[in-house]
C-alpha atoms as a PDB file:
ATOM      1  CA  UNK A   1      88.901 -17.843 -35.128  1.00  0.00           C
ATOM      2  CA  UNK A   2      92.306 -20.092 -34.596  1.00  0.00           C
ATOM      3  CA  UNK A   3      92.025 -22.696 -31.504  1.00  0.00           C
ATOM      4  CA  UNK A   4      94.478 -24.934 -31.491  1.00  0.00           C
ATOM      5  CA  UNK A   5      93.644 -27.811 -34.132  1.00  0.00           C
ATOM      6  CA  UNK A   6      92.638 -25.852 -36.540  1.00  0.00           C
ATOM      7  CA  UNK A   7      89.650 -26.647 -39.531  1.00  0.00           C
ATOM      8  CA  UNK A   8      88.105 -28.983 -36.677  1.00  0.00           C
ATOM      9  CA  UNK A   9      84.904 -29.115 -34.634  1.00  0.00           C
ATOM     10  CA  UNK A  10      83.960 -31.179 -32.166  1.00  0.00           C
ATOM     11  CA  UNK A  11      80.608 -32.751 -31.971  1.00  0.00           C
ATOM     12  CA  UNK A  12      78.664 -32.811 -28.483  1.00  0.00           C
ATOM     13  CA  UNK A  13      75.231 -33.933 -28.828  1.00  0.00           C
ATOM     14  CA  UNK A  14      72.350 -34.527 -30.678  1.00  0.00           C
ATOM     15  CA  UNK A  15      69.225 -34.418 -29.889  1.00  0.00           C
ATOM     16  CA  UNK A  16      66.268 -35.998 -32.263  1.00  0.00           C
ATOM     17  CA  UNK A  17      63.219 -34.059 -32.926  1.00  0.00           C
ATOM     18  CA  UNK A  18      59.569 -35.717 -33.178  1.00  0.00           C
ATOM     19  CA  UNK A  19      59.627 -33.837 -36.723  1.00  0.00           C
ATOM     20  CA  UNK A  20      62.463 -35.396 -38.217  1.00  0.00           C
ATOM     21  CA  UNK A  21      64.694 -32.065 -37.280  1.00  0.00           C
ATOM     22  CA  UNK A  22      67.969 -32.886 -35.787  1.00  0.00           C
ATOM     23  CA  UNK A  23      69.792 -29.973 -32.902  1.00  0.00           C
ATOM     24  CA  UNK A  24      74.065 -30.661 -32.814  1.00  0.00           C
ATOM     25  CA  UNK A  25      75.621 -29.275 -30.410  1.00  0.00           C
ATOM     26  CA  UNK A  26      79.334 -28.928 -31.269  1.00  0.00           C
ATOM     27  CA  UNK A  27      82.436 -26.560 -29.754  1.00  0.00           C
ATOM     28  CA  UNK A  28      84.982 -24.769 -32.371  1.00  0.00           C
ATOM     29  CA  UNK A  29      88.016 -23.050 -31.962  1.00  0.00           C
ATOM     30  CA  UNK A  30      88.738 -24.236 -28.689  1.00  0.00           C
ATOM     31  CA  UNK A  31      86.352 -21.671 -27.403  1.00  0.00           C
ATOM     32  CA  UNK A  32      83.121 -21.319 -28.584  1.00  0.00           C
ATOM     33  CA  UNK A  33      79.698 -23.354 -28.160  1.00  0.00           C
ATOM     34  CA  UNK A  34      77.589 -23.657 -31.137  1.00  0.00           C
ATOM     35  CA  UNK A  35      74.095 -25.141 -32.575  1.00  0.00           C
ATOM     36  CA  UNK A  36      73.551 -26.680 -35.758  1.00  0.00           C
ATOM     37  CA  UNK A  37      70.241 -28.042 -36.350  1.00  0.00           C
ATOM     38  CA  UNK A  38      68.925 -29.713 -39.622  1.00  0.00           C
ATOM     39  CA  UNK A  39      66.945 -32.052 -40.940  1.00  0.00           C
ATOM     40  CA  UNK A  40      68.012 -35.956 -40.379  1.00  0.00           C
ATOM     41  CA  UNK A  41      67.572 -37.234 -43.978  1.00  0.00           C
ATOM     42  CA  UNK A  42      68.863 -34.075 -45.678  1.00  0.00           C
ATOM     43  CA  UNK A  43      72.480 -34.745 -43.040  1.00  0.00           C
ATOM     44  CA  UNK A  44      72.886 -38.175 -43.444  1.00  0.00           C
ATOM     45  CA  UNK A  45      71.962 -37.942 -47.877  1.00  0.00           C
ATOM     46  CA  UNK A  46      74.883 -35.330 -47.910  1.00  0.00           C
ATOM     47  CA  UNK A  47      76.945 -37.656 -45.948  1.00  0.00           C
ATOM     48  CA  UNK A  48      76.621 -40.544 -47.939  1.00  0.00           C
ATOM     49  CA  UNK A  49      76.992 -38.127 -51.561  1.00  0.00           C
ATOM     50  CA  UNK A  50      80.567 -37.401 -51.064  1.00  0.00           C
END
């Protein structure tokens, strides 16, 4: 998929669950809505390891 801005996603919301998981809603390629899920601790670790 190719949108107006290549290689970019636009996060819209984050919903934290009691068990430590999060749901992240995001848009991609100017016409797709997506949902990603993961453990908040895993996401934070991945961000700070770079």
